[in-house]
Amino acid sequence: MELQTEQMNERITKITLSGRLDVAGTNAIDSRFAAVTATQGPNVIVDLSAVDFIGSMGVRLLLLNAKGLGARGDKMILCKPGPMVRKVLETIGIDAMIPIFNDIDSALRALKQS
């Protein structure tokens, strides 16, 4: 699992993940992901376009960090999940807690409106 960050502007950080968000992949990025969501932003877009699998540990990673951001009044948005990853996220209802957008422009507009 790889994690890259990009500062979109002073209020939005994009985290791009690539690989598998299974137990090993999640363990590989857990502390870096948490550090980015805790110190950068304040809002975070997570680009999932290069994630080809998400398991329960990956879902947990997203939820815990989204809750941490929310506790500070900030937001996490998920962007561009592939069909299989999107199906998992929607099946478990994560889209009710963390908005999912099909493209980066829609995600940026949503954050600018909030």
N, C-alpha and C. Protein backbone atom coordinates (compact mmCIF):
# COMPACT_ATOMS: atom_id res chain seq x y z
N MET A 1 0.85 -1.17 0.00
CA MET A 1 0.00 0.00 0.00
C MET A 1 0.90 1.23 0.00
N GLU A 2 0.56 2.16 -0.86
CA GLU A 2 1.30 3.42 -0.92
C GLU A 2 0.38 4.58 -0.57
N LEU A 3 0.95 5.61 0.03
CA LEU A 3 0.21 6.80 0.43
C LEU A 3 1.00 8.02 -0.05
N GLN A 4 0.33 8.89 -0.78
CA GLN A 4 0.94 10.15 -1.21
C GLN A 4 0.01 11.28 -0.78
N THR A 5 0.60 12.42 -0.45
CA THR A 5 -0.21 13.57 -0.07
C THR A 5 0.07 14.73 -0.99
N GLU A 6 -0.96 15.56 -1.14
CA GLU A 6 -0.84 16.78 -1.94
C GLU A 6 -1.68 17.86 -1.28
N GLN A 7 -1.07 19.00 -1.04
CA GLN A 7 -1.81 20.13 -0.48
C GLN A 7 -2.54 20.83 -1.61
N MET A 8 -3.87 20.69 -1.67
CA MET A 8 -4.67 21.28 -2.74
C MET A 8 -4.77 22.80 -2.58
N ASN A 9 -4.95 23.23 -1.35
CA ASN A 9 -4.93 24.64 -0.97
C ASN A 9 -4.75 24.69 0.54
N GLU A 10 -4.89 25.85 1.15
CA GLU A 10 -4.62 25.96 2.59
C GLU A 10 -5.63 25.22 3.45
N ARG A 11 -6.75 24.79 2.87
CA ARG A 11 -7.79 24.12 3.66
C ARG A 11 -8.03 22.67 3.27
N ILE A 12 -7.39 22.20 2.20
CA ILE A 12 -7.68 20.85 1.71
C ILE A 12 -6.40 20.09 1.38
N THR A 13 -6.28 18.92 1.97
CA THR A 13 -5.18 18.00 1.66
C THR A 13 -5.77 16.79 0.95
N LYS A 14 -5.11 16.36 -0.11
CA LYS A 14 -5.53 15.13 -0.80
C LYS A 14 -4.57 14.02 -0.45
N ILE A 15 -5.14 12.90 -0.02
CA ILE A 15 -4.37 11.68 0.24
C ILE A 15 -4.71 10.71 -0.89
N THR A 16 -3.71 10.25 -1.61
CA THR A 16 -3.92 9.28 -2.67
C THR A 16 -3.38 7.93 -2.19
N LEU A 17 -4.25 6.95 -2.18
CA LEU A 17 -3.87 5.61 -1.77
C LEU A 17 -3.80 4.71 -2.99
N SER A 18 -2.85 3.78 -2.99
CA SER A 18 -2.79 2.80 -4.07
C SER A 18 -2.35 1.45 -3.50
N GLY A 19 -3.04 0.42 -3.96
CA GLY A 19 -2.77 -0.92 -3.48
C GLY A 19 -3.99 -1.53 -2.83
N ARG A 20 -3.75 -2.39 -1.86
CA ARG A 20 -4.83 -3.10 -1.17
C ARG A 20 -4.96 -2.60 0.27
N LEU A 21 -6.16 -2.22 0.64
CA LEU A 21 -6.44 -1.83 2.03
C LEU A 21 -6.90 -3.07 2.79
N ASP A 22 -6.05 -4.08 2.80
CA ASP A 22 -6.28 -5.26 3.60
C ASP A 22 -5.51 -5.08 4.91
N VAL A 23 -5.35 -6.13 5.70
CA VAL A 23 -4.66 -5.99 6.99
C VAL A 23 -3.23 -5.48 6.79
N ALA A 24 -2.48 -6.10 5.90
CA ALA A 24 -1.08 -5.70 5.69
C ALA A 24 -0.99 -4.28 5.13
N GLY A 25 -1.82 -3.97 4.15
CA GLY A 25 -1.79 -2.64 3.54
C GLY A 25 -2.17 -1.55 4.52
N THR A 26 -3.19 -1.81 5.31
CA THR A 26 -3.63 -0.84 6.31
C THR A 26 -2.56 -0.63 7.37
N ASN A 27 -1.96 -1.72 7.83
CA ASN A 27 -0.89 -1.59 8.82
C ASN A 27 0.29 -0.79 8.28
N ALA A 28 0.55 -0.90 6.98
CA ALA A 28 1.68 -0.20 6.37
C ALA A 28 1.49 1.32 6.36
N ILE A 29 0.24 1.79 6.32
CA ILE A 29 0.02 3.24 6.21
C ILE A 29 -0.70 3.85 7.40
N ASP A 30 -1.13 3.05 8.34
CA ASP A 30 -1.98 3.52 9.44
C ASP A 30 -1.44 4.75 10.14
N SER A 31 -0.21 4.71 10.58
CA SER A 31 0.32 5.85 11.36
C SER A 31 0.52 7.08 10.48
N ARG A 32 0.97 6.91 9.24
CA ARG A 32 1.14 8.07 8.35
C ARG A 32 -0.20 8.69 8.00
N PHE A 33 -1.21 7.85 7.74
CA PHE A 33 -2.55 8.35 7.42
C PHE A 33 -3.09 9.16 8.59
N ALA A 34 -2.97 8.61 9.79
CA ALA A 34 -3.45 9.31 10.99
C ALA A 34 -2.70 10.63 11.20
N ALA A 35 -1.40 10.64 10.95
CA ALA A 35 -0.61 11.86 11.13
C ALA A 35 -1.06 12.94 10.14
N VAL A 36 -1.32 12.55 8.91
CA VAL A 36 -1.77 13.53 7.91
C VAL A 36 -3.13 14.09 8.30
N THR A 37 -4.07 13.24 8.68
CA THR A 37 -5.40 13.75 9.02
C THR A 37 -5.38 14.57 10.30
N ALA A 38 -4.41 14.32 11.16
CA ALA A 38 -4.33 15.07 12.42
C ALA A 38 -3.64 16.42 12.25
N THR A 39 -2.74 16.54 11.29
CA THR A 39 -1.91 17.74 11.22
C THR A 39 -2.09 18.58 9.96
N GLN A 40 -2.62 18.01 8.90
CA GLN A 40 -2.78 18.75 7.66
C GLN A 40 -4.25 18.96 7.37
N GLY A 41 -4.55 19.69 6.36
CA GLY A 41 -5.96 19.88 6.03
C GLY A 41 -6.38 21.32 6.17
N PRO A 42 -7.41 21.60 6.89
CA PRO A 42 -8.14 20.78 7.86
C PRO A 42 -9.07 19.75 7.22
N ASN A 43 -9.37 19.88 5.94
CA ASN A 43 -10.25 18.94 5.27
C ASN A 43 -9.41 18.01 4.39
N VAL A 44 -9.90 16.77 4.25
CA VAL A 44 -9.12 15.75 3.56
C VAL A 44 -9.98 15.07 2.50
N ILE A 45 -9.42 14.97 1.30
CA ILE A 45 -10.00 14.17 0.23
C ILE A 45 -9.13 12.92 0.11
N VAL A 46 -9.76 11.76 0.17
CA VAL A 46 -9.03 10.50 0.02
C VAL A 46 -9.34 9.94 -1.36
N ASP A 47 -8.34 9.93 -2.23
CA ASP A 47 -8.47 9.41 -3.59
C ASP A 47 -8.26 7.90 -3.54
N LEU A 48 -9.33 7.17 -3.84
CA LEU A 48 -9.29 5.70 -3.79
C LEU A 48 -9.22 5.06 -5.17
N SER A 49 -8.94 5.84 -6.21
CA SER A 49 -8.99 5.33 -7.57
C SER A 49 -8.00 4.19 -7.83
N ALA A 50 -6.90 4.13 -7.08
CA ALA A 50 -5.90 3.08 -7.28
C ALA A 50 -5.96 2.01 -6.19
N VAL A 51 -7.04 2.00 -5.41
CA VAL A 51 -7.24 0.96 -4.39
C VAL A 51 -8.09 -0.14 -5.03
N ASP A 52 -7.53 -1.35 -5.09
CA ASP A 52 -8.26 -2.43 -5.76
C ASP A 52 -8.95 -3.39 -4.79
N PHE A 53 -8.76 -3.19 -3.48
CA PHE A 53 -9.43 -4.02 -2.48
C PHE A 53 -9.51 -3.24 -1.19
N ILE A 54 -10.64 -3.36 -0.49
CA ILE A 54 -10.77 -2.77 0.84
C ILE A 54 -11.43 -3.80 1.76
N GLY A 55 -10.76 -4.06 2.87
CA GLY A 55 -11.28 -4.97 3.87
C GLY A 55 -11.71 -4.21 5.11
N SER A 56 -12.08 -4.95 6.13
CA SER A 56 -12.60 -4.32 7.35
C SER A 56 -11.58 -3.41 8.02
N MET A 57 -10.30 -3.75 7.95
CA MET A 57 -9.28 -2.88 8.56
C MET A 57 -9.15 -1.57 7.79
N GLY A 58 -9.30 -1.61 6.48
CA GLY A 58 -9.26 -0.39 5.68
C GLY A 58 -10.45 0.50 5.97
N VAL A 59 -11.61 -0.12 6.11
CA VAL A 59 -12.83 0.63 6.45
C VAL A 59 -12.65 1.27 7.82
N ARG A 60 -12.11 0.52 8.75
CA ARG A 60 -11.87 1.04 10.11
C ARG A 60 -10.94 2.25 10.07
N LEU A 61 -9.87 2.16 9.28
CA LEU A 61 -8.93 3.27 9.12
C LEU A 61 -9.65 4.53 8.66
N LEU A 62 -10.48 4.39 7.64
CA LEU A 62 -11.21 5.55 7.12
C LEU A 62 -12.17 6.12 8.16
N LEU A 63 -12.94 5.25 8.80
CA LEU A 63 -13.93 5.71 9.78
C LEU A 63 -13.29 6.40 10.99
N LEU A 64 -12.26 5.82 11.55
CA LEU A 64 -11.63 6.41 12.73
C LEU A 64 -11.06 7.79 12.42
N ASN A 65 -10.42 7.92 11.28
CA ASN A 65 -9.83 9.21 10.92
C ASN A 65 -10.89 10.22 10.53
N ALA A 66 -11.97 9.79 9.89
CA ALA A 66 -13.07 10.70 9.57
C ALA A 66 -13.72 11.20 10.85
N LYS A 67 -13.87 10.33 11.83
CA LYS A 67 -14.44 10.75 13.12
C LYS A 67 -13.53 11.74 13.82
N GLY A 68 -12.23 11.52 13.76
CA GLY A 68 -11.28 12.47 14.35
C GLY A 68 -11.38 13.84 13.70
N LEU A 69 -11.47 13.86 12.38
CA LEU A 69 -11.65 15.13 11.68
C LEU A 69 -12.97 15.78 12.07
N GLY A 70 -14.02 15.00 12.10
CA GLY A 70 -15.35 15.51 12.44
C GLY A 70 -15.40 16.10 13.84
N ALA A 71 -14.66 15.51 14.77
CA ALA A 71 -14.64 16.02 16.14
C ALA A 71 -14.03 17.42 16.20
N ARG A 72 -13.19 17.76 15.22
CA ARG A 72 -12.60 19.10 15.14
C ARG A 72 -13.42 20.03 14.27
N GLY A 73 -14.52 19.53 13.71
CA GLY A 73 -15.34 20.34 12.81
C GLY A 73 -14.85 20.31 11.38
N ASP A 74 -13.96 19.37 11.05
CA ASP A 74 -13.41 19.25 9.71
C ASP A 74 -14.06 18.05 9.01
N LYS A 75 -13.69 17.83 7.74
CA LYS A 75 -14.36 16.80 6.95
C LYS A 75 -13.38 15.92 6.20
N MET A 76 -13.84 14.68 5.97
CA MET A 76 -13.17 13.77 5.06
C MET A 76 -14.16 13.43 3.96
N ILE A 77 -13.66 13.37 2.73
CA ILE A 77 -14.45 12.98 1.57
C ILE A 77 -13.68 11.89 0.84
N LEU A 78 -14.40 10.88 0.39
CA LEU A 78 -13.80 9.82 -0.41
C LEU A 78 -14.06 10.13 -1.88
N CYS A 79 -13.09 9.83 -2.71
CA CYS A 79 -13.18 10.22 -4.11
C CYS A 79 -12.72 9.08 -5.03
N LYS A 80 -13.46 8.86 -6.07
CA LYS A 80 -13.12 7.97 -7.17
C LYS A 80 -12.87 6.50 -6.80
N PRO A 81 -13.67 5.91 -5.93
CA PRO A 81 -13.44 4.48 -5.69
C PRO A 81 -13.84 3.68 -6.92
N GLY A 82 -13.11 2.61 -7.20
CA GLY A 82 -13.46 1.71 -8.28
C GLY A 82 -14.77 1.00 -7.95
N PRO A 83 -15.37 0.32 -8.92
CA PRO A 83 -16.68 -0.32 -8.71
C PRO A 83 -16.71 -1.30 -7.54
N MET A 84 -15.68 -2.12 -7.39
CA MET A 84 -15.70 -3.11 -6.30
C MET A 84 -15.53 -2.45 -4.95
N VAL A 85 -14.64 -1.47 -4.86
CA VAL A 85 -14.43 -0.76 -3.60
C VAL A 85 -15.68 0.04 -3.25
N ARG A 86 -16.28 0.71 -4.22
CA ARG A 86 -17.52 1.46 -4.00
C ARG A 86 -18.63 0.55 -3.48
N LYS A 87 -18.74 -0.64 -4.06
CA LYS A 87 -19.79 -1.57 -3.63
C LYS A 87 -19.61 -1.95 -2.17
N VAL A 88 -18.38 -2.21 -1.77
CA VAL A 88 -18.12 -2.54 -0.36
C VAL A 88 -18.50 -1.37 0.53
N LEU A 89 -18.05 -0.17 0.17
CA LEU A 89 -18.33 1.01 0.99
C LEU A 89 -19.83 1.28 1.10
N GLU A 90 -20.55 1.15 0.00
CA GLU A 90 -21.99 1.40 0.02
C GLU A 90 -22.75 0.29 0.74
N THR A 91 -22.29 -0.95 0.60
CA THR A 91 -22.95 -2.08 1.27
C THR A 91 -22.89 -1.93 2.78
N ILE A 92 -21.77 -1.46 3.30
CA ILE A 92 -21.66 -1.31 4.75
C ILE A 92 -22.18 0.03 5.24
N GLY A 93 -22.55 0.90 4.31
CA GLY A 93 -23.16 2.17 4.69
C GLY A 93 -22.20 3.28 5.02
N ILE A 94 -20.94 3.15 4.64
CA ILE A 94 -19.98 4.21 4.95
C ILE A 94 -20.32 5.50 4.23
N ASP A 95 -21.01 5.40 3.10
CA ASP A 95 -21.38 6.60 2.35
C ASP A 95 -22.36 7.49 3.11
N ALA A 96 -23.01 6.95 4.13
CA ALA A 96 -23.88 7.76 4.97
C ALA A 96 -23.07 8.59 5.98
N MET A 97 -21.83 8.17 6.23
CA MET A 97 -20.97 8.86 7.20
C MET A 97 -19.87 9.68 6.54
N ILE A 98 -19.37 9.18 5.42
CA ILE A 98 -18.30 9.87 4.69
C ILE A 98 -18.77 9.99 3.25
N PRO A 99 -18.97 11.21 2.76
CA PRO A 99 -19.46 11.38 1.39
C PRO A 99 -18.48 10.77 0.37
N ILE A 100 -19.06 10.20 -0.69
CA ILE A 100 -18.27 9.62 -1.77
C ILE A 100 -18.60 10.37 -3.06
N PHE A 101 -17.54 10.81 -3.76
CA PHE A 101 -17.72 11.53 -5.02
C PHE A 101 -17.00 10.79 -6.14
N ASN A 102 -17.52 10.95 -7.36
CA ASN A 102 -16.94 10.27 -8.52
C ASN A 102 -15.70 10.94 -9.09
N ASP A 103 -15.51 12.23 -8.78
CA ASP A 103 -14.35 12.93 -9.34
C ASP A 103 -13.87 14.00 -8.36
N ILE A 104 -12.65 14.43 -8.58
CA ILE A 104 -12.01 15.39 -7.67
C ILE A 104 -12.70 16.74 -7.70
N ASP A 105 -13.19 17.16 -8.87
CA ASP A 105 -13.85 18.46 -8.96
C ASP A 105 -15.11 18.52 -8.10
N SER A 106 -15.90 17.47 -8.12
CA SER A 106 -17.10 17.41 -7.28
C SER A 106 -16.74 17.42 -5.80
N ALA A 107 -15.68 16.70 -5.45
CA ALA A 107 -15.24 16.66 -4.06
C ALA A 107 -14.77 18.05 -3.60
N LEU A 108 -14.02 18.73 -4.45
CA LEU A 108 -13.55 20.08 -4.10
C LEU A 108 -14.72 21.05 -3.96
N ARG A 109 -15.69 20.96 -4.85
CA ARG A 109 -16.87 21.85 -4.75
C ARG A 109 -17.63 21.59 -3.44
N ALA A 110 -17.76 20.34 -3.07
CA ALA A 110 -18.47 20.00 -1.83
C ALA A 110 -17.77 20.59 -0.62
N LEU A 111 -16.46 20.52 -0.60
CA LEU A 111 -15.72 21.07 0.54
C LEU A 111 -15.76 22.59 0.55
N LYS A 112 -15.77 23.22 -0.59
CA LYS A 112 -15.82 24.68 -0.64
C LYS A 112 -17.17 25.20 -0.19
N GLN A 113 -18.23 24.41 -0.39
CA GLN A 113 -19.58 24.83 0.01
C GLN A 113 -19.80 24.66 1.51
N SER A 114 -19.00 23.84 2.15
CA SER A 114 -19.24 23.60 3.57
C SER A 114 -18.53 24.60 4.45
